[in-house]
């Protein structure tokens, strides 16, 4: 019996297409890497059964977990795997813009240190404002959440060692994130 993991999936979202055909070893450590928005988190979500609209096949150790052509979809709780979520907390029913405005509008004007759109260009999310969090990559979600935290309530000073957008960066964006973190800290007064 094969101990490989087979993931063949196609998942379409606005502005994004995941089209992957992977056969991975069933033992050891496998790393998915690539630029932000390339589909790393989406691949893992398909494997975990969190993307039921994905078309394709997921087979683990010879067991079919998902086969859209055959109508097979093993429930998430019956898949023998652990999944640690990286997604930041955003309201799925609101656009990125409205998520940012949610906290900003609830902060009394005297406590606001920045405009609601502070950091959009710096964190590279200005083009995402009209999208739903459901249509964002994991890294895009983290950057949206980091911007949300920067524009919301300022009563508490950040004690994070890293901004959420910096944690879990890709190799290509890690250097850029280091360059972003320090200007963000100077502009917002966050420690780190």
C-alpha atoms as a PDB file:
ATOM      1  CA  UNK A   1       0.000   0.000   0.000  1.00  0.00           C
ATOM      2  CA  UNK A   2       1.335   3.444  -0.942  1.00  0.00           C
ATOM      3  CA  UNK A   3       2.220   5.817   1.868  1.00  0.00           C
ATOM      4  CA  UNK A   4       2.263   8.815  -0.427  1.00  0.00           C
ATOM      5  CA  UNK A   5       0.031  11.821  -0.291  1.00  0.00           C
ATOM      6  CA  UNK A   6      -1.619  12.777  -3.569  1.00  0.00           C
ATOM      7  CA  UNK A   7      -3.151  16.221  -3.963  1.00  0.00           C
ATOM      8  CA  UNK A   8      -4.649  17.137  -7.312  1.00  0.00           C
ATOM      9  CA  UNK A   9      -6.821  20.210  -6.997  1.00  0.00           C
ATOM     10  CA  UNK A  10      -8.313  23.109  -8.862  1.00  0.00           C
ATOM     11  CA  UNK A  11      -9.785  25.982  -6.869  1.00  0.00           C
ATOM     12  CA  UNK A  12     -10.947  29.257  -8.381  1.00  0.00           C
ATOM     13  CA  UNK A  13     -11.441  32.532  -6.557  1.00  0.00           C
ATOM     14  CA  UNK A  14     -11.646  36.110  -7.837  1.00  0.00           C
ATOM     15  CA  UNK A  15      -8.180  36.952  -9.134  1.00  0.00           C
ATOM     16  CA  UNK A  16      -6.729  33.561  -8.153  1.00  0.00           C
ATOM     17  CA  UNK A  17      -6.539  30.048  -9.556  1.00  0.00           C
ATOM     18  CA  UNK A  18      -5.026  27.124  -7.691  1.00  0.00           C
ATOM     19  CA  UNK A  19      -4.168  24.340 -10.111  1.00  0.00           C
ATOM     20  CA  UNK A  20      -1.916  21.821  -8.420  1.00  0.00           C
ATOM     21  CA  UNK A  21      -0.876  18.203  -8.930  1.00  0.00           C
ATOM     22  CA  UNK A  22       1.400  16.972  -6.135  1.00  0.00           C
ATOM     23  CA  UNK A  23       2.584  13.579  -4.971  1.00  0.00           C
ATOM     24  CA  UNK A  24       4.417  13.879  -1.664  1.00  0.00           C
ATOM     25  CA  UNK A  25       6.071  11.332   0.610  1.00  0.00           C
ATOM     26  CA  UNK A  26       3.843  10.039   3.393  1.00  0.00           C
ATOM     27  CA  UNK A  27       6.664  10.262   5.921  1.00  0.00           C
ATOM     28  CA  UNK A  28       9.161  12.921   6.854  1.00  0.00           C
ATOM     29  CA  UNK A  29       8.898  16.673   6.494  1.00  0.00           C
ATOM     30  CA  UNK A  30       7.666  18.402   3.369  1.00  0.00           C
ATOM     31  CA  UNK A  31       7.813  22.159   2.922  1.00  0.00           C
ATOM     32  CA  UNK A  32       5.587  24.237   0.659  1.00  0.00           C
ATOM     33  CA  UNK A  33       7.189  27.546  -0.153  1.00  0.00           C
ATOM     34  CA  UNK A  34       6.551  30.353  -2.581  1.00  0.00           C
ATOM     35  CA  UNK A  35       5.567  33.993  -2.789  1.00  0.00           C
ATOM     36  CA  UNK A  36       2.598  35.417  -0.948  1.00  0.00           C
ATOM     37  CA  UNK A  37      -0.609  34.555  -2.754  1.00  0.00           C
ATOM     38  CA  UNK A  38       0.817  31.556  -4.624  1.00  0.00           C
ATOM     39  CA  UNK A  39      -1.532  29.033  -2.987  1.00  0.00           C
ATOM     40  CA  UNK A  40       0.428  27.464  -0.115  1.00  0.00           C
ATOM     41  CA  UNK A  41      -2.345  27.931   2.440  1.00  0.00           C
ATOM     42  CA  UNK A  42      -4.998  26.973  -0.112  1.00  0.00           C
ATOM     43  CA  UNK A  43      -3.194  23.651  -0.770  1.00  0.00           C
ATOM     44  CA  UNK A  44      -3.200  22.887   2.951  1.00  0.00           C
ATOM     45  CA  UNK A  45      -6.853  23.906   3.300  1.00  0.00           C
ATOM     46  CA  UNK A  46      -7.799  21.549   0.444  1.00  0.00           C
ATOM     47  CA  UNK A  47      -5.851  18.723   2.104  1.00  0.00           C
ATOM     48  CA  UNK A  48      -7.612  19.404   5.424  1.00  0.00           C
ATOM     49  CA  UNK A  49     -11.055  19.421   3.763  1.00  0.00           C
ATOM     50  CA  UNK A  50     -11.637  23.121   4.414  1.00  0.00           C
ATOM     51  CA  UNK A  51     -12.179  23.967   0.733  1.00  0.00           C
ATOM     52  CA  UNK A  52     -15.128  21.764  -0.313  1.00  0.00           C
ATOM     53  CA  UNK A  53     -15.572  23.722  -3.544  1.00  0.00           C
ATOM     54  CA  UNK A  54     -12.133  22.555  -4.751  1.00  0.00           C
ATOM     55  CA  UNK A  55     -12.303  20.075  -7.610  1.00  0.00           C
ATOM     56  CA  UNK A  56      -9.871  17.166  -7.593  1.00  0.00           C
ATOM     57  CA  UNK A  57      -8.507  14.256  -5.575  1.00  0.00           C
ATOM     58  CA  UNK A  58      -6.945  14.001  -2.130  1.00  0.00           C
ATOM     59  CA  UNK A  59      -5.539  10.559  -1.342  1.00  0.00           C
ATOM     60  CA  UNK A  60      -3.518   9.844   1.799  1.00  0.00           C
ATOM     61  CA  UNK A  61      -1.862   6.514   2.473  1.00  0.00           C
ATOM     62  CA  UNK A  62      -4.126   4.877  -0.111  1.00  0.00           C
ATOM     63  CA  UNK A  63      -7.346   6.294   1.399  1.00  0.00           C
ATOM     64  CA  UNK A  64      -9.450   8.629  -0.729  1.00  0.00           C
ATOM     65  CA  UNK A  65     -10.338  11.694   1.321  1.00  0.00           C
ATOM     66  CA  UNK A  66     -11.768  13.679  -1.540  1.00  0.00           C
ATOM     67  CA  UNK A  67     -12.660  12.867  -5.121  1.00  0.00           C
ATOM     68  CA  UNK A  68     -14.969  15.455  -6.643  1.00  0.00           C
ATOM     69  CA  UNK A  69     -15.621  13.327  -9.758  1.00  0.00           C
ATOM     70  CA  UNK A  70     -16.869  10.450  -7.581  1.00  0.00           C
ATOM     71  CA  UNK A  71     -18.685  12.661  -5.054  1.00  0.00           C
ATOM     72  CA  UNK A  72     -16.372  11.646  -2.193  1.00  0.00           C
ATOM     73  CA  UNK A  73     -15.730  14.235   0.528  1.00  0.00           C
ATOM     74  CA  UNK A  74     -14.474  12.866   3.848  1.00  0.00           C
ATOM     75  CA  UNK A  75     -15.472  15.292   6.629  1.00  0.00           C
ATOM     76  CA  UNK A  76     -12.744  17.379   8.237  1.00  0.00           C
ATOM     77  CA  UNK A  77     -13.077  15.612  11.592  1.00  0.00           C
ATOM     78  CA  UNK A  78     -12.476  12.223   9.938  1.00  0.00           C
ATOM     79  CA  UNK A  79      -9.180  13.219   8.322  1.00  0.00           C
ATOM     80  CA  UNK A  80      -6.193  12.017  10.345  1.00  0.00           C
ATOM     81  CA  UNK A  81      -4.179  15.203  10.406  1.00  0.00           C
ATOM     82  CA  UNK A  82      -3.522  18.256  12.516  1.00  0.00           C
ATOM     83  CA  UNK A  83      -3.914  21.755  11.130  1.00  0.00           C
ATOM     84  CA  UNK A  84      -2.657  24.935  12.793  1.00  0.00           C
ATOM     85  CA  UNK A  85      -4.470  27.945  11.412  1.00  0.00           C
ATOM     86  CA  UNK A  86      -2.450  30.954  10.355  1.00  0.00           C
ATOM     87  CA  UNK A  87      -5.441  33.068   9.367  1.00  0.00           C
ATOM     88  CA  UNK A  88      -5.841  36.247  11.313  1.00  0.00           C
ATOM     89  CA  UNK A  89      -9.244  37.106  12.724  1.00  0.00           C
ATOM     90  CA  UNK A  90     -11.224  39.082  10.165  1.00  0.00           C
ATOM     91  CA  UNK A  91     -14.970  39.194   9.644  1.00  0.00           C
ATOM     92  CA  UNK A  92     -15.719  37.020   6.607  1.00  0.00           C
ATOM     93  CA  UNK A  93     -18.971  38.885   5.850  1.00  0.00           C
ATOM     94  CA  UNK A  94     -17.135  42.229   5.513  1.00  0.00           C
ATOM     95  CA  UNK A  95     -14.741  43.396   2.804  1.00  0.00           C
ATOM     96  CA  UNK A  96     -11.142  44.166   3.771  1.00  0.00           C
ATOM     97  CA  UNK A  97     -12.033  47.895   3.727  1.00  0.00           C
ATOM     98  CA  UNK A  98     -14.991  47.339   6.062  1.00  0.00           C
ATOM     99  CA  UNK A  99     -12.891  45.168   8.379  1.00  0.00           C
ATOM    100  CA  UNK A 100     -10.409  48.044   8.667  1.00  0.00           C
ATOM    101  CA  UNK A 101     -13.198  50.561   9.202  1.00  0.00           C
ATOM    102  CA  UNK A 102     -14.899  48.376  11.842  1.00  0.00           C
ATOM    103  CA  UNK A 103     -12.231  48.969  14.470  1.00  0.00           C
ATOM    104  CA  UNK A 104     -11.440  52.485  13.339  1.00  0.00           C
ATOM    105  CA  UNK A 105     -15.029  53.704  13.686  1.00  0.00           C
ATOM    106  CA  UNK A 106     -15.189  52.309  17.222  1.00  0.00           C
ATOM    107  CA  UNK A 107     -12.088  54.181  18.340  1.00  0.00           C
ATOM    108  CA  UNK A 108     -12.936  57.635  19.743  1.00  0.00           C
ATOM    109  CA  UNK A 109     -11.378  60.348  17.522  1.00  0.00           C
ATOM    110  CA  UNK A 110      -9.049  61.649  20.274  1.00  0.00           C
ATOM    111  CA  UNK A 111      -7.527  58.159  20.595  1.00  0.00           C
ATOM    112  CA  UNK A 112      -6.908  57.715  16.866  1.00  0.00           C
ATOM    113  CA  UNK A 113      -3.240  58.033  16.032  1.00  0.00           C
ATOM    114  CA  UNK A 114      -3.562  57.376  12.297  1.00  0.00           C
ATOM    115  CA  UNK A 115      -6.054  57.566   9.447  1.00  0.00           C
ATOM    116  CA  UNK A 116      -7.982  54.360   8.732  1.00  0.00           C
ATOM    117  CA  UNK A 117      -5.923  53.761   5.586  1.00  0.00           C
ATOM    118  CA  UNK A 118      -2.539  54.126   7.325  1.00  0.00           C
ATOM    119  CA  UNK A 119      -0.207  51.364   6.208  1.00  0.00           C
ATOM    120  CA  UNK A 120      -2.173  50.151   3.174  1.00  0.00           C
ATOM    121  CA  UNK A 121       0.614  50.833   0.694  1.00  0.00           C
ATOM    122  CA  UNK A 122       3.378  49.974   3.133  1.00  0.00           C
ATOM    123  CA  UNK A 123       1.922  46.501   3.747  1.00  0.00           C
ATOM    124  CA  UNK A 124       0.846  46.033   0.138  1.00  0.00           C
ATOM    125  CA  UNK A 125      -2.896  45.559   0.659  1.00  0.00           C
ATOM    126  CA  UNK A 126      -4.408  48.653  -1.011  1.00  0.00           C
ATOM    127  CA  UNK A 127      -5.473  46.525  -3.991  1.00  0.00           C
ATOM    128  CA  UNK A 128      -7.344  44.120  -1.673  1.00  0.00           C
ATOM    129  CA  UNK A 129      -9.807  46.595  -0.132  1.00  0.00           C
ATOM    130  CA  UNK A 130     -12.922  45.362  -1.946  1.00  0.00           C
ATOM    131  CA  UNK A 131     -12.168  41.657  -1.499  1.00  0.00           C
ATOM    132  CA  UNK A 132     -13.658  39.323   1.093  1.00  0.00           C
ATOM    133  CA  UNK A 133     -11.270  37.752   3.625  1.00  0.00           C
ATOM    134  CA  UNK A 134     -12.391  34.411   2.163  1.00  0.00           C
ATOM    135  CA  UNK A 135     -10.696  35.398  -1.107  1.00  0.00           C
ATOM    136  CA  UNK A 136      -7.341  36.321   0.454  1.00  0.00           C
ATOM    137  CA  UNK A 137      -4.210  34.225   0.756  1.00  0.00           C
ATOM    138  CA  UNK A 138      -2.902  33.490   4.250  1.00  0.00           C
ATOM    139  CA  UNK A 139      -0.224  36.169   3.942  1.00  0.00           C
ATOM    140  CA  UNK A 140      -2.713  38.734   2.626  1.00  0.00           C
ATOM    141  CA  UNK A 141      -4.977  38.002   5.607  1.00  0.00           C
ATOM    142  CA  UNK A 142      -2.088  38.524   8.011  1.00  0.00           C
ATOM    143  CA  UNK A 143      -1.194  41.858   6.403  1.00  0.00           C
ATOM    144  CA  UNK A 144      -4.845  42.973   6.461  1.00  0.00           C
ATOM    145  CA  UNK A 145      -5.045  42.058  10.152  1.00  0.00           C
ATOM    146  CA  UNK A 146      -1.796  43.902  10.881  1.00  0.00           C
ATOM    147  CA  UNK A 147      -3.240  47.012   9.212  1.00  0.00           C
ATOM    148  CA  UNK A 148      -6.484  46.543  11.173  1.00  0.00           C
ATOM    149  CA  UNK A 149      -4.536  46.445  14.434  1.00  0.00           C
ATOM    150  CA  UNK A 150      -2.642  49.612  13.471  1.00  0.00           C
ATOM    151  CA  UNK A 151      -5.800  51.612  12.745  1.00  0.00           C
ATOM    152  CA  UNK A 152      -8.000  50.357  15.586  1.00  0.00           C
ATOM    153  CA  UNK A 153      -7.942  51.204  19.282  1.00  0.00           C
ATOM    154  CA  UNK A 154      -4.677  52.781  20.458  1.00  0.00           C
ATOM    155  CA  UNK A 155      -5.178  52.526  24.229  1.00  0.00           C
ATOM    156  CA  UNK A 156      -2.889  49.509  24.492  1.00  0.00           C
ATOM    157  CA  UNK A 157       0.675  49.631  23.306  1.00  0.00           C
ATOM    158  CA  UNK A 158       1.788  46.688  21.203  1.00  0.00           C
ATOM    159  CA  UNK A 159       4.209  44.358  22.967  1.00  0.00           C
ATOM    160  CA  UNK A 160       4.571  41.962  20.062  1.00  0.00           C
ATOM    161  CA  UNK A 161       8.069  41.085  19.020  1.00  0.00           C
ATOM    162  CA  UNK A 162       6.898  40.945  15.414  1.00  0.00           C
ATOM    163  CA  UNK A 163       3.980  42.268  13.474  1.00  0.00           C
ATOM    164  CA  UNK A 164       1.575  39.492  12.404  1.00  0.00           C
ATOM    165  CA  UNK A 165       2.440  40.318   8.795  1.00  0.00           C
ATOM    166  CA  UNK A 166       6.076  39.431   9.432  1.00  0.00           C
ATOM    167  CA  UNK A 167       5.434  36.038  11.022  1.00  0.00           C
ATOM    168  CA  UNK A 168       5.170  33.313   8.396  1.00  0.00           C
ATOM    169  CA  UNK A 169       6.660  35.317   5.574  1.00  0.00           C
ATOM    170  CA  UNK A 170       7.877  33.729   2.405  1.00  0.00           C
ATOM    171  CA  UNK A 171      11.550  33.708   1.411  1.00  0.00           C
ATOM    172  CA  UNK A 172      10.898  36.415  -1.186  1.00  0.00           C
ATOM    173  CA  UNK A 173       9.060  38.724   1.217  1.00  0.00           C
ATOM    174  CA  UNK A 174      11.137  38.154   4.369  1.00  0.00           C
ATOM    175  CA  UNK A 175      13.668  40.841   3.472  1.00  0.00           C
ATOM    176  CA  UNK A 176      10.884  43.218   2.482  1.00  0.00           C
ATOM    177  CA  UNK A 177       9.068  42.511   5.757  1.00  0.00           C
ATOM    178  CA  UNK A 178      12.158  43.394   7.779  1.00  0.00           C
ATOM    179  CA  UNK A 179      12.296  46.640   5.830  1.00  0.00           C
ATOM    180  CA  UNK A 180       8.608  47.252   6.567  1.00  0.00           C
ATOM    181  CA  UNK A 181       8.654  46.323  10.253  1.00  0.00           C
ATOM    182  CA  UNK A 182      11.053  49.042  11.399  1.00  0.00           C
ATOM    183  CA  UNK A 183       9.311  51.958   9.603  1.00  0.00           C
ATOM    184  CA  UNK A 184       5.989  50.645  10.951  1.00  0.00           C
ATOM    185  CA  UNK A 185       7.370  50.554  14.454  1.00  0.00           C
ATOM    186  CA  UNK A 186       8.713  54.123  14.141  1.00  0.00           C
ATOM    187  CA  UNK A 187       5.425  55.406  12.702  1.00  0.00           C
ATOM    188  CA  UNK A 188       3.125  53.635  15.143  1.00  0.00           C
ATOM    189  CA  UNK A 189       5.202  53.559  18.301  1.00  0.00           C
ATOM    190  CA  UNK A 190       5.079  49.765  18.564  1.00  0.00           C
ATOM    191  CA  UNK A 191       7.920  47.980  20.329  1.00  0.00           C
ATOM    192  CA  UNK A 192       9.789  45.163  18.740  1.00  0.00           C
END
